[in-house]
Amino acid sequence: MKKRLLGKSGLEVSALGLGCMGMSYSYGPPADRQEMIGLLRKAVERGINFFDTAEVYGPFTNEELIGEALSPIRDQIVIATKFGFDLDPSKDPRGIKGVPGLNSRPHHIRKVAESSLKRLRIDVIDLFYQHRVDPEVPIEEVAGAVKALVQEGKVRHFGLSEAGEKTIRRAHAVHPVTAVQSEYSLWWRNPEKELLPALEELGIGFVPYSPLGRGFLTGKIDEKTPIDSTEFRASLPRFSPEALKANRPLVDILASFAREKNGTPAQVALAWLLARKPWIVPIPGTRKLERLDENIGALDMPMSPEELRAIDEATSEIAVLGDRYPQRLEKMTGL
């Protein structure tokens, strides 16, 4: 497996990570636990060493799954988890109305870190992201709280998720930000405007989540695909039947390039991302071994500058229909 450095931090990870959220949360009922443990260990066997989770996934159950599956091989892996939500164990935060409130107060960050360490069965968190920027807590206080955890040996690296460029700079001035995680794919390219140039300037790595458009860019979802009302995608404007139909030409372009390169639309979408910058590490999620292997195959699909330009030119003519989040969730991004 090829490796990449997340910016100038010295944190080296597999060129492709594994987003673990969907194993426990957001995409219908949780997957079979033993099957997911087997999948996680097979991912390590295939060279993936970068695993992404969060306390809110479940809540809590995804971290517990990662801990059970991967703690026996702790020395081979890098675990990223997140803080920033105010979770009540007696409530289920799934669904838009039930999205928990934000909480990045320093004492809460410490409490989350201690709890995550126990669930993950580890002594130190490799990468600790603020899941969403909390407008009630100055980012300098957040960075200072994580800095204290780093000094105590409980956290190795500090990250931010869906933070805006100004927030990143303020945090980075207090304690180096190793990586920023945000959605980025061929149907959500907003990070290219301000975020990516700032990260390159500051030497911060970039970890795109939903690099396959929550499954849409694989070509296996269209306006006729049933999406259960309990799924997170059912609440997203971009997954309405009208939007899926209107956005289909984007997948058709990927499929055309895939035929030329003897691959799949998903592999083209990931190869495009990997070719953007050497410090970009996508974290596609899956519950299936065949999809994991397909995604890994993107690492063997180099993209020439001419091919990148051709994809950019072809996709630039498509106006993507539908917001990526409902209004309440969109307000939590880019702060």
C-alpha atoms as a PDB file:
ATOM      1  CA  MET A   1       0.000   0.000   0.000  1.00  0.00           C
ATOM      2  CA  LYS A   2       1.312   3.438  -0.917  1.00  0.00           C
ATOM      3  CA  LYS A   3       1.704   5.926   1.938  1.00  0.00           C
ATOM      4  CA  ARG A   4       1.141   9.657   2.186  1.00  0.00           C
ATOM      5  CA  LEU A   5       2.125  12.348   4.650  1.00  0.00           C
ATOM      6  CA  LEU A   6      -0.653  14.535   6.010  1.00  0.00           C
ATOM      7  CA  GLY A   7       0.924  17.896   5.357  1.00  0.00           C
ATOM      8  CA  LYS A   8       4.102  18.766   7.242  1.00  0.00           C
ATOM      9  CA  SER A   9       3.043  17.009  10.437  1.00  0.00           C
ATOM     10  CA  GLY A  10       5.049  13.842   9.927  1.00  0.00           C
ATOM     11  CA  LEU A  11       1.896  11.714  10.246  1.00  0.00           C
ATOM     12  CA  GLU A  12       2.199   9.032   7.558  1.00  0.00           C
ATOM     13  CA  VAL A  13      -0.878   7.028   6.625  1.00  0.00           C
ATOM     14  CA  SER A  14      -2.029   4.737   3.849  1.00  0.00           C
ATOM     15  CA  ALA A  15      -2.889   6.690   0.691  1.00  0.00           C
ATOM     16  CA  LEU A  16      -6.484   5.581   1.134  1.00  0.00           C
ATOM     17  CA  GLY A  17      -8.169   5.456   4.520  1.00  0.00           C
ATOM     18  CA  LEU A  18     -11.394   3.787   5.601  1.00  0.00           C
ATOM     19  CA  GLY A  19     -14.380   5.763   6.818  1.00  0.00           C
ATOM     20  CA  CYS A  20     -16.112   3.565   9.388  1.00  0.00           C
ATOM     21  CA  MET A  21     -19.286   5.565  10.128  1.00  0.00           C
ATOM     22  CA  GLY A  22     -21.590   3.561   7.874  1.00  0.00           C
ATOM     23  CA  MET A  23     -20.795   0.323   9.664  1.00  0.00           C
ATOM     24  CA  SER A  24     -22.767   1.517  12.692  1.00  0.00           C
ATOM     25  CA  TYR A  25     -24.706   4.622  11.769  1.00  0.00           C
ATOM     26  CA  SER A  26     -26.507   6.702   9.167  1.00  0.00           C
ATOM     27  CA  TYR A  27     -27.073   4.065   6.466  1.00  0.00           C
ATOM     28  CA  GLY A  28     -29.897   2.058   7.994  1.00  0.00           C
ATOM     29  CA  PRO A  29     -29.511  -0.530  10.767  1.00  0.00           C
ATOM     30  CA  PRO A  30     -25.965  -1.269  11.948  1.00  0.00           C
ATOM     31  CA  ALA A  31     -24.139  -3.972  10.025  1.00  0.00           C
ATOM     32  CA  ASP A  32     -23.370  -7.326  11.604  1.00  0.00           C
ATOM     33  CA  ARG A  33     -20.646  -6.701  14.180  1.00  0.00           C
ATOM     34  CA  GLN A  34     -18.580  -9.802  13.471  1.00  0.00           C
ATOM     35  CA  GLU A  35     -18.713  -9.176   9.725  1.00  0.00           C
ATOM     36  CA  MET A  36     -17.462  -5.618  10.260  1.00  0.00           C
ATOM     37  CA  ILE A  37     -14.664  -6.818  12.538  1.00  0.00           C
ATOM     38  CA  GLY A  38     -13.622  -9.172   9.755  1.00  0.00           C
ATOM     39  CA  LEU A  39     -13.806  -6.382   7.180  1.00  0.00           C
ATOM     40  CA  LEU A  40     -11.701  -4.040   9.307  1.00  0.00           C
ATOM     41  CA  ARG A  41      -9.013  -6.652   9.766  1.00  0.00           C
ATOM     42  CA  LYS A  42      -9.022  -7.471   6.051  1.00  0.00           C
ATOM     43  CA  ALA A  43      -8.521  -3.784   5.340  1.00  0.00           C
ATOM     44  CA  VAL A  44      -5.362  -3.886   7.469  1.00  0.00           C
ATOM     45  CA  GLU A  45      -4.204  -7.014   5.624  1.00  0.00           C
ATOM     46  CA  ARG A  46      -4.587  -5.077   2.372  1.00  0.00           C
ATOM     47  CA  GLY A  47      -2.426  -2.243   3.664  1.00  0.00           C
ATOM     48  CA  ILE A  48      -4.968   0.292   4.915  1.00  0.00           C
ATOM     49  CA  ASN A  49      -3.838   1.690   8.245  1.00  0.00           C
ATOM     50  CA  PHE A  50      -5.925   4.886   8.574  1.00  0.00           C
ATOM     51  CA  PHE A  51      -9.359   4.475  10.174  1.00  0.00           C
ATOM     52  CA  ASP A  52     -11.900   7.227  10.786  1.00  0.00           C
ATOM     53  CA  THR A  53     -14.550   7.125  13.501  1.00  0.00           C
ATOM     54  CA  ALA A  54     -16.307   9.447  15.994  1.00  0.00           C
ATOM     55  CA  GLU A  55     -18.155   9.254  19.275  1.00  0.00           C
ATOM     56  CA  VAL A  56     -21.361  10.418  17.591  1.00  0.00           C
ATOM     57  CA  TYR A  57     -21.411   7.426  15.223  1.00  0.00           C
ATOM     58  CA  GLY A  58     -23.910   5.191  16.935  1.00  0.00           C
ATOM     59  CA  PRO A  59     -23.509   7.062  19.239  1.00  0.00           C
ATOM     60  CA  PHE A  60     -20.447   5.406  20.778  1.00  0.00           C
ATOM     61  CA  THR A  61     -20.899   1.991  19.125  1.00  0.00           C
ATOM     62  CA  ASN A  62     -18.616   2.708  16.171  1.00  0.00           C
ATOM     63  CA  GLU A  63     -15.680   3.530  18.425  1.00  0.00           C
ATOM     64  CA  GLU A  64     -16.396   0.348  20.372  1.00  0.00           C
ATOM     65  CA  LEU A  65     -16.377  -1.637  17.130  1.00  0.00           C
ATOM     66  CA  ILE A  66     -13.054  -0.123  16.069  1.00  0.00           C
ATOM     67  CA  GLY A  67     -11.610  -0.848  19.488  1.00  0.00           C
ATOM     68  CA  GLU A  68     -12.618  -4.490  19.430  1.00  0.00           C
ATOM     69  CA  ALA A  69     -11.460  -5.036  15.852  1.00  0.00           C
ATOM     70  CA  LEU A  70      -8.191  -3.144  15.806  1.00  0.00           C
ATOM     71  CA  SER A  71      -6.753  -2.821  19.304  1.00  0.00           C
ATOM     72  CA  PRO A  72      -5.035  -6.234  18.967  1.00  0.00           C
ATOM     73  CA  ILE A  73      -3.002  -4.769  16.080  1.00  0.00           C
ATOM     74  CA  ARG A  74      -2.637  -1.282  17.516  1.00  0.00           C
ATOM     75  CA  ASP A  75       0.960  -0.884  16.378  1.00  0.00           C
ATOM     76  CA  GLN A  76      -0.101  -1.205  12.725  1.00  0.00           C
ATOM     77  CA  ILE A  77      -2.843   1.440  12.592  1.00  0.00           C
ATOM     78  CA  VAL A  78      -3.670   5.139  12.850  1.00  0.00           C
ATOM     79  CA  ILE A  79      -7.026   5.986  14.430  1.00  0.00           C
ATOM     80  CA  ALA A  80      -8.826   9.282  13.958  1.00  0.00           C
ATOM     81  CA  THR A  81     -11.830  10.142  16.097  1.00  0.00           C
ATOM     82  CA  LYS A  82     -13.765  13.318  16.886  1.00  0.00           C
ATOM     83  CA  PHE A  83     -15.271  15.505  19.591  1.00  0.00           C
ATOM     84  CA  GLY A  84     -17.673  18.410  19.437  1.00  0.00           C
ATOM     85  CA  PHE A  85     -21.227  17.183  19.991  1.00  0.00           C
ATOM     86  CA  ASP A  86     -23.178  17.163  23.233  1.00  0.00           C
ATOM     87  CA  LEU A  87     -24.405  13.598  23.424  1.00  0.00           C
ATOM     88  CA  ASP A  88     -26.974  12.255  25.827  1.00  0.00           C
ATOM     89  CA  PRO A  89     -26.681   8.431  25.983  1.00  0.00           C
ATOM     90  CA  SER A  90     -30.420   8.202  26.664  1.00  0.00           C
ATOM     91  CA  LYS A  91     -31.260   9.721  23.290  1.00  0.00           C
ATOM     92  CA  ASP A  92     -30.711   8.545  19.725  1.00  0.00           C
ATOM     93  CA  PRO A  93     -29.211  11.463  17.728  1.00  0.00           C
ATOM     94  CA  ARG A  94     -29.976   9.938  14.335  1.00  0.00           C
ATOM     95  CA  GLY A  95     -32.193  11.925  12.018  1.00  0.00           C
ATOM     96  CA  ILE A  96     -32.205  15.669  11.361  1.00  0.00           C
ATOM     97  CA  LYS A  97     -34.496  16.626  14.230  1.00  0.00           C
ATOM     98  CA  GLY A  98     -32.384  14.612  16.628  1.00  0.00           C
ATOM     99  CA  VAL A  99     -28.978  16.013  15.641  1.00  0.00           C
ATOM    100  CA  PRO A 100     -27.297  16.840  18.950  1.00  0.00           C
ATOM    101  CA  GLY A 101     -26.116  20.274  19.882  1.00  0.00           C
ATOM    102  CA  LEU A 102     -22.506  21.370  19.718  1.00  0.00           C
ATOM    103  CA  ASN A 103     -20.137  21.406  22.684  1.00  0.00           C
ATOM    104  CA  SER A 104     -16.421  22.133  22.361  1.00  0.00           C
ATOM    105  CA  ARG A 105     -15.847  23.552  25.817  1.00  0.00           C
ATOM    106  CA  PRO A 106     -12.394  22.534  27.061  1.00  0.00           C
ATOM    107  CA  HIS A 107     -13.687  20.410  29.953  1.00  0.00           C
ATOM    108  CA  HIS A 108     -15.982  18.559  27.543  1.00  0.00           C
ATOM    109  CA  ILE A 109     -13.148  17.925  25.079  1.00  0.00           C
ATOM    110  CA  ARG A 110     -11.157  16.293  27.873  1.00  0.00           C
ATOM    111  CA  LYS A 111     -14.136  14.179  28.912  1.00  0.00           C
ATOM    112  CA  VAL A 112     -14.662  12.982  25.329  1.00  0.00           C
ATOM    113  CA  ALA A 113     -10.983  12.126  24.942  1.00  0.00           C
ATOM    114  CA  GLU A 114     -10.971  10.021  28.095  1.00  0.00           C
ATOM    115  CA  SER A 115     -14.127   8.173  27.025  1.00  0.00           C
ATOM    116  CA  SER A 116     -12.920   7.613  23.454  1.00  0.00           C
ATOM    117  CA  LEU A 117      -9.638   6.165  24.691  1.00  0.00           C
ATOM    118  CA  LYS A 118     -11.568   3.583  26.695  1.00  0.00           C
ATOM    119  CA  ARG A 119     -13.932   2.655  23.876  1.00  0.00           C
ATOM    120  CA  LEU A 120     -11.094   2.414  21.370  1.00  0.00           C
ATOM    121  CA  ARG A 121      -8.970   0.420  23.836  1.00  0.00           C
ATOM    122  CA  ILE A 122      -5.905   2.556  23.177  1.00  0.00           C
ATOM    123  CA  ASP A 123      -3.557   4.742  25.214  1.00  0.00           C
ATOM    124  CA  VAL A 124      -3.357   7.666  22.787  1.00  0.00           C
ATOM    125  CA  ILE A 125      -5.607   9.064  20.040  1.00  0.00           C
ATOM    126  CA  ASP A 126      -3.571   9.464  16.849  1.00  0.00           C
ATOM    127  CA  LEU A 127      -5.711  12.228  15.325  1.00  0.00           C
ATOM    128  CA  PHE A 128      -8.380  14.109  17.299  1.00  0.00           C
ATOM    129  CA  TYR A 129     -10.717  16.245  15.176  1.00  0.00           C
ATOM    130  CA  GLN A 130     -13.158  18.886  16.263  1.00  0.00           C
ATOM    131  CA  HIS A 131     -16.194  17.442  14.476  1.00  0.00           C
ATOM    132  CA  ARG A 132     -17.904  20.785  13.859  1.00  0.00           C
ATOM    133  CA  VAL A 133     -16.870  24.299  14.831  1.00  0.00           C
ATOM    134  CA  ASP A 134     -18.703  25.497  17.935  1.00  0.00           C
ATOM    135  CA  PRO A 135     -19.555  29.196  17.523  1.00  0.00           C
ATOM    136  CA  GLU A 136     -19.967  29.504  21.307  1.00  0.00           C
ATOM    137  CA  VAL A 137     -16.358  28.537  22.053  1.00  0.00           C
ATOM    138  CA  PRO A 138     -13.392  30.492  20.630  1.00  0.00           C
ATOM    139  CA  ILE A 139     -11.307  28.190  18.459  1.00  0.00           C
ATOM    140  CA  GLU A 140      -8.222  29.302  20.406  1.00  0.00           C
ATOM    141  CA  GLU A 141      -9.691  27.654  23.524  1.00  0.00           C
ATOM    142  CA  VAL A 142     -10.402  24.488  21.552  1.00  0.00           C
ATOM    143  CA  ALA A 143      -6.863  24.353  20.189  1.00  0.00           C
ATOM    144  CA  GLY A 144      -5.489  25.027  23.652  1.00  0.00           C
ATOM    145  CA  ALA A 145      -7.486  22.153  25.128  1.00  0.00           C
ATOM    146  CA  VAL A 146      -6.199  19.734  22.518  1.00  0.00           C
ATOM    147  CA  LYS A 147      -2.678  21.082  22.969  1.00  0.00           C
ATOM    148  CA  ALA A 148      -2.881  20.167  26.661  1.00  0.00           C
ATOM    149  CA  LEU A 149      -3.984  16.637  25.742  1.00  0.00           C
ATOM    150  CA  VAL A 150      -1.040  16.365  23.331  1.00  0.00           C
ATOM    151  CA  GLN A 151       1.355  17.489  26.059  1.00  0.00           C
ATOM    152  CA  GLU A 152      -0.104  14.837  28.379  1.00  0.00           C
ATOM    153  CA  GLY A 153       0.407  12.106  25.781  1.00  0.00           C
ATOM    154  CA  LYS A 154      -3.296  11.391  25.297  1.00  0.00           C
ATOM    155  CA  VAL A 155      -3.476  12.800  21.744  1.00  0.00           C
ATOM    156  CA  ARG A 156      -0.834  12.883  19.011  1.00  0.00           C
ATOM    157  CA  HIS A 157      -2.326  15.182  16.376  1.00  0.00           C
ATOM    158  CA  PHE A 158      -5.025  17.884  16.183  1.00  0.00           C
ATOM    159  CA  GLY A 159      -7.551  18.090  13.357  1.00  0.00           C
ATOM    160  CA  LEU A 160     -10.590  20.106  12.293  1.00  0.00           C
ATOM    161  CA  SER A 161     -13.648  18.972  10.371  1.00  0.00           C
ATOM    162  CA  GLU A 162     -15.657  21.258   8.076  1.00  0.00           C
ATOM    163  CA  ALA A 163     -13.885  24.362   9.369  1.00  0.00           C
ATOM    164  CA  GLY A 164     -13.464  27.529   7.338  1.00  0.00           C
ATOM    165  CA  GLU A 165     -10.139  29.005   6.305  1.00  0.00           C
ATOM    166  CA  LYS A 166     -10.077  31.772   8.954  1.00  0.00           C
ATOM    167  CA  THR A 167     -10.901  29.340  11.749  1.00  0.00           C
ATOM    168  CA  ILE A 168      -8.134  27.002  10.612  1.00  0.00           C
ATOM    169  CA  ARG A 169      -5.573  29.798  10.680  1.00  0.00           C
ATOM    170  CA  ARG A 170      -6.577  30.875  14.190  1.00  0.00           C
ATOM    171  CA  ALA A 171      -6.410  27.303  15.492  1.00  0.00           C
ATOM    172  CA  HIS A 172      -3.105  26.611  13.751  1.00  0.00           C
ATOM    173  CA  ALA A 173      -1.543  29.636  15.464  1.00  0.00           C
ATOM    174  CA  VAL A 174      -2.217  28.038  18.878  1.00  0.00           C
ATOM    175  CA  HIS A 175      -1.354  24.432  18.053  1.00  0.00           C
ATOM    176  CA  PRO A 176      -0.400  22.935  14.676  1.00  0.00           C
ATOM    177  CA  VAL A 177      -3.350  21.496  12.794  1.00  0.00           C
ATOM    178  CA  THR A 178      -2.283  18.214  11.192  1.00  0.00           C
ATOM    179  CA  ALA A 179      -5.325  17.579   9.010  1.00  0.00           C
ATOM    180  CA  VAL A 180      -8.626  19.079   7.973  1.00  0.00           C
ATOM    181  CA  GLN A 181     -11.511  16.850   7.052  1.00  0.00           C
ATOM    182  CA  SER A 182     -14.289  18.072   4.783  1.00  0.00           C
ATOM    183  CA  GLU A 183     -16.535  16.705   2.103  1.00  0.00           C
ATOM    184  CA  TYR A 184     -14.866  16.829  -1.304  1.00  0.00           C
ATOM    185  CA  SER A 185     -15.651  15.044  -4.532  1.00  0.00           C
ATOM    186  CA  LEU A 186     -16.550  15.702  -8.127  1.00  0.00           C
ATOM    187  CA  TRP A 187     -20.023  16.783  -7.023  1.00  0.00           C
ATOM    188  CA  TRP A 188     -18.878  18.967  -4.124  1.00  0.00           C
ATOM    189  CA  ARG A 189     -15.865  21.047  -5.146  1.00  0.00           C
ATOM    190  CA  ASN A 190     -16.258  24.062  -2.866  1.00  0.00           C
ATOM    191  CA  PRO A 191     -13.032  23.258  -0.947  1.00  0.00           C
ATOM    192  CA  GLU A 192     -11.064  24.266  -4.032  1.00  0.00           C
ATOM    193  CA  LYS A 193     -12.003  27.941  -3.603  1.00  0.00           C
ATOM    194  CA  GLU A 194     -10.337  28.843  -0.298  1.00  0.00           C
ATOM    195  CA  LEU A 195      -9.703  25.724   1.736  1.00  0.00           C
ATOM    196  CA  LEU A 196      -7.175  23.836  -0.383  1.00  0.00           C
ATOM    197  CA  PRO A 197      -4.958  26.886  -1.072  1.00  0.00           C
ATOM    198  CA  ALA A 198      -4.871  27.656   2.664  1.00  0.00           C
ATOM    199  CA  LEU A 199      -3.994  24.083   3.575  1.00  0.00           C
ATOM    200  CA  GLU A 200      -1.184  24.021   1.037  1.00  0.00           C
ATOM    201  CA  GLU A 201       0.187  27.302   2.389  1.00  0.00           C
ATOM    202  CA  LEU A 202       0.071  26.098   6.001  1.00  0.00           C
ATOM    203  CA  GLY A 203       1.299  22.568   5.353  1.00  0.00           C
ATOM    204  CA  ILE A 204      -1.873  20.856   6.568  1.00  0.00           C
ATOM    205  CA  GLY A 205      -3.131  17.554   5.188  1.00  0.00           C
ATOM    206  CA  PHE A 206      -6.615  17.132   3.720  1.00  0.00           C
ATOM    207  CA  VAL A 207      -8.908  14.172   4.373  1.00  0.00           C
ATOM    208  CA  PRO A 208     -11.971  14.181   2.094  1.00  0.00           C
ATOM    209  CA  TYR A 209     -14.982  12.332   3.431  1.00  0.00           C
ATOM    210  CA  SER A 210     -17.799  11.142   1.142  1.00  0.00           C
ATOM    211  CA  PRO A 211     -15.339  11.093  -1.795  1.00  0.00           C
ATOM    212  CA  LEU A 212     -17.860   8.967  -3.705  1.00  0.00           C
ATOM    213  CA  GLY A 213     -20.775  11.287  -3.047  1.00  0.00           C
ATOM    214  CA  ARG A 214     -22.316   8.967  -0.439  1.00  0.00           C
ATOM    215  CA  GLY A 215     -22.467   6.273  -3.089  1.00  0.00           C
ATOM    216  CA  PHE A 216     -23.882   8.344  -5.933  1.00  0.00           C
ATOM    217  CA  LEU A 217     -20.627   8.558  -7.889  1.00  0.00           C
ATOM    218  CA  THR A 218     -20.338   4.770  -7.987  1.00  0.00           C
ATOM    219  CA  GLY A 219     -23.105   4.699 -10.598  1.00  0.00           C
ATOM    220  CA  LYS A 220     -25.171   2.302  -8.507  1.00  0.00           C
ATOM    221  CA  ILE A 221     -27.765   4.848  -7.337  1.00  0.00           C
ATOM    222  CA  ASP A 222     -30.369   6.631  -9.455  1.00  0.00           C
ATOM    223  CA  GLU A 223     -33.804   8.193  -9.029  1.00  0.00           C
ATOM    224  CA  LYS A 224     -35.402   4.728  -8.881  1.00  0.00           C
ATOM    225  CA  THR A 225     -33.163   3.438  -6.092  1.00  0.00           C
ATOM    226  CA  PRO A 226     -35.180   3.040  -2.872  1.00  0.00           C
ATOM    227  CA  ILE A 227     -33.660   4.941   0.053  1.00  0.00           C
ATOM    228  CA  ASP A 228     -35.133   3.953   3.400  1.00  0.00           C
ATOM    229  CA  SER A 229     -36.587   6.819   5.416  1.00  0.00           C
ATOM    230  CA  THR A 230     -34.321   5.883   8.341  1.00  0.00           C
ATOM    231  CA  GLU A 231     -31.208   6.540   6.242  1.00  0.00           C
ATOM    232  CA  PHE A 232     -29.343   9.820   6.569  1.00  0.00           C
ATOM    233  CA  ARG A 233     -29.396  10.210   2.788  1.00  0.00           C
ATOM    234  CA  ALA A 234     -33.195  10.388   2.831  1.00  0.00           C
ATOM    235  CA  SER A 235     -32.903  13.809   4.491  1.00  0.00           C
ATOM    236  CA  LEU A 236     -30.443  15.219   1.957  1.00  0.00           C
ATOM    237  CA  PRO A 237     -31.832  17.433  -0.836  1.00  0.00           C
ATOM    238  CA  ARG A 238     -29.223  16.058  -3.240  1.00  0.00           C
ATOM    239  CA  PHE A 239     -30.763  12.586  -2.877  1.00  0.00           C
ATOM    240  CA  SER A 240     -34.275  13.542  -3.893  1.00  0.00           C
ATOM    241  CA  PRO A 241     -35.402  11.647  -7.035  1.00  0.00           C
ATOM    242  CA  GLU A 242     -35.386  14.899  -9.011  1.00  0.00           C
ATOM    243  CA  ALA A 243     -31.812  15.747  -8.009  1.00  0.00           C
ATOM    244  CA  LEU A 244     -30.539  12.214  -8.614  1.00  0.00           C
ATOM    245  CA  LYS A 245     -31.996  12.248 -12.113  1.00  0.00           C
ATOM    246  CA  ALA A 246     -30.635  15.712 -12.907  1.00  0.00           C
ATOM    247  CA  ASN A 247     -27.153  14.835 -11.628  1.00  0.00           C
ATOM    248  CA  ARG A 248     -26.888  11.550 -13.519  1.00  0.00           C
ATOM    249  CA  PRO A 249     -24.789  13.080 -16.356  1.00  0.00           C
ATOM    250  CA  LEU A 250     -21.946  13.458 -13.864  1.00  0.00           C
ATOM    251  CA  VAL A 251     -21.890   9.694 -13.321  1.00  0.00           C
ATOM    252  CA  ASP A 252     -22.132   9.112 -17.060  1.00  0.00           C
ATOM    253  CA  ILE A 253     -18.923  11.094 -17.537  1.00  0.00           C
ATOM    254  CA  LEU A 254     -17.162   9.005 -14.896  1.00  0.00           C
ATOM    255  CA  ALA A 255     -18.430   5.831 -16.535  1.00  0.00           C
ATOM    256  CA  SER A 256     -17.055   6.983 -19.881  1.00  0.00           C
ATOM    257  CA  PHE A 257     -13.589   7.583 -18.417  1.00  0.00           C
ATOM    258  CA  ALA A 258     -13.825   4.287 -16.535  1.00  0.00           C
ATOM    259  CA  ARG A 259     -14.335   2.382 -19.776  1.00  0.00           C
ATOM    260  CA  GLU A 260     -11.255   4.014 -21.248  1.00  0.00           C
ATOM    261  CA  LYS A 261      -9.151   3.090 -18.200  1.00  0.00           C
ATOM    262  CA  ASN A 262     -10.648  -0.371 -17.713  1.00  0.00           C
ATOM    263  CA  GLY A 263     -11.968   0.559 -14.272  1.00  0.00           C
ATOM    264  CA  THR A 264     -15.142   1.657 -12.539  1.00  0.00           C
ATOM    265  CA  PRO A 265     -16.729   5.086 -11.970  1.00  0.00           C
ATOM    266  CA  ALA A 266     -15.815   4.845  -8.278  1.00  0.00           C
ATOM    267  CA  GLN A 267     -12.168   4.207  -9.127  1.00  0.00           C
ATOM    268  CA  VAL A 268     -12.069   7.185 -11.481  1.00  0.00           C
ATOM    269  CA  ALA A 269     -13.638   9.436  -8.828  1.00  0.00           C
ATOM    270  CA  LEU A 270     -11.059   8.358  -6.244  1.00  0.00           C
ATOM    271  CA  ALA A 271      -8.136   8.486  -8.683  1.00  0.00           C
ATOM    272  CA  TRP A 272      -9.143  12.038  -9.583  1.00  0.00           C
ATOM    273  CA  LEU A 273      -9.028  13.018  -5.908  1.00  0.00           C
ATOM    274  CA  LEU A 274      -5.712  11.277  -5.274  1.00  0.00           C
ATOM    275  CA  ALA A 275      -4.156  13.086  -8.210  1.00  0.00           C
ATOM    276  CA  ARG A 276      -5.166  16.537  -6.998  1.00  0.00           C
ATOM    277  CA  LYS A 277      -2.487  16.840  -4.294  1.00  0.00           C
ATOM    278  CA  PRO A 278      -0.006  14.410  -2.687  1.00  0.00           C
ATOM    279  CA  TRP A 279      -1.269  15.372   0.796  1.00  0.00           C
ATOM    280  CA  ILE A 280      -4.885  14.389   0.118  1.00  0.00           C
ATOM    281  CA  VAL A 281      -6.058  11.117   1.711  1.00  0.00           C
ATOM    282  CA  PRO A 282      -9.675  10.156   0.911  1.00  0.00           C
ATOM    283  CA  ILE A 283     -11.601   7.971   3.353  1.00  0.00           C
ATOM    284  CA  PRO A 284     -14.372   6.167   1.431  1.00  0.00           C
ATOM    285  CA  GLY A 285     -16.578   4.007   3.605  1.00  0.00           C
ATOM    286  CA  THR A 286     -18.053   0.609   2.874  1.00  0.00           C
ATOM    287  CA  ARG A 287     -19.580  -2.467   4.483  1.00  0.00           C
ATOM    288  CA  LYS A 288     -18.535  -4.809   1.685  1.00  0.00           C
ATOM    289  CA  LEU A 289     -15.174  -6.435   0.958  1.00  0.00           C
ATOM    290  CA  GLU A 290     -15.662  -6.230  -2.812  1.00  0.00           C
ATOM    291  CA  ARG A 291     -16.206  -2.469  -2.573  1.00  0.00           C
ATOM    292  CA  LEU A 292     -13.128  -2.134  -0.366  1.00  0.00           C
ATOM    293  CA  ASP A 293     -11.051  -3.931  -2.984  1.00  0.00           C
ATOM    294  CA  GLU A 294     -12.585  -1.820  -5.754  1.00  0.00           C
ATOM    295  CA  ASN A 295     -11.670   1.379  -3.909  1.00  0.00           C
ATOM    296  CA  ILE A 296      -8.111   0.202  -3.310  1.00  0.00           C
ATOM    297  CA  GLY A 297      -7.857  -0.420  -7.045  1.00  0.00           C
ATOM    298  CA  ALA A 298      -8.006   3.341  -7.587  1.00  0.00           C
ATOM    299  CA  LEU A 299      -4.432   3.533  -6.311  1.00  0.00           C
ATOM    300  CA  ASP A 300      -3.324   1.697  -9.443  1.00  0.00           C
ATOM    301  CA  MET A 301      -5.115   4.122 -11.756  1.00  0.00           C
ATOM    302  CA  PRO A 302      -2.749   7.056 -12.300  1.00  0.00           C
ATOM    303  CA  MET A 303      -4.246  10.207 -13.770  1.00  0.00           C
ATOM    304  CA  SER A 304      -2.207  12.273 -16.216  1.00  0.00           C
ATOM    305  CA  PRO A 305      -2.533  16.074 -16.230  1.00  0.00           C
ATOM    306  CA  GLU A 306      -4.322  15.749 -19.568  1.00  0.00           C
ATOM    307  CA  GLU A 307      -6.846  13.308 -18.119  1.00  0.00           C
ATOM    308  CA  LEU A 308      -7.447  15.542 -15.105  1.00  0.00           C
ATOM    309  CA  ARG A 309      -8.099  18.479 -17.407  1.00  0.00           C
ATOM    310  CA  ALA A 310     -10.446  16.397 -19.529  1.00  0.00           C
ATOM    311  CA  ILE A 311     -12.468  15.337 -16.476  1.00  0.00           C
ATOM    312  CA  ASP A 312     -12.551  18.901 -15.171  1.00  0.00           C
ATOM    313  CA  GLU A 313     -13.708  20.256 -18.513  1.00  0.00           C
ATOM    314  CA  ALA A 314     -16.403  17.624 -18.943  1.00  0.00           C
ATOM    315  CA  THR A 315     -17.791  17.942 -15.421  1.00  0.00           C
ATOM    316  CA  SER A 316     -17.596  21.738 -15.287  1.00  0.00           C
ATOM    317  CA  GLU A 317     -20.500  21.935 -17.722  1.00  0.00           C
ATOM    318  CA  ILE A 318     -22.817  20.172 -15.255  1.00  0.00           C
ATOM    319  CA  ALA A 319     -24.701  22.278 -12.710  1.00  0.00           C
ATOM    320  CA  VAL A 320     -25.229  19.956  -9.752  1.00  0.00           C
ATOM    321  CA  LEU A 321     -28.793  20.139  -8.453  1.00  0.00           C
ATOM    322  CA  GLY A 322     -29.654  20.036  -4.767  1.00  0.00           C
ATOM    323  CA  ASP A 323     -28.020  21.208  -1.556  1.00  0.00           C
ATOM    324  CA  ARG A 324     -25.705  18.694   0.086  1.00  0.00           C
ATOM    325  CA  TYR A 325     -27.273  19.193   3.549  1.00  0.00           C
ATOM    326  CA  PRO A 326     -30.566  20.460   4.977  1.00  0.00           C
ATOM    327  CA  GLN A 327     -30.310  24.025   6.233  1.00  0.00           C
ATOM    328  CA  ARG A 328     -29.715  23.147   9.881  1.00  0.00           C
ATOM    329  CA  LEU A 329     -26.739  20.906   9.118  1.00  0.00           C
ATOM    330  CA  GLU A 330     -25.322  23.258   6.501  1.00  0.00           C
ATOM    331  CA  LYS A 331     -25.142  25.942   9.190  1.00  0.00           C
ATOM    332  CA  MET A 332     -22.651  23.722  11.044  1.00  0.00           C
ATOM    333  CA  THR A 333     -20.144  23.760   8.171  1.00  0.00           C
ATOM    334  CA  GLY A 334     -17.531  26.212   6.959  1.00  0.00           C
ATOM    335  CA  LEU A 335     -17.449  28.278  10.154  1.00  0.00           C
END
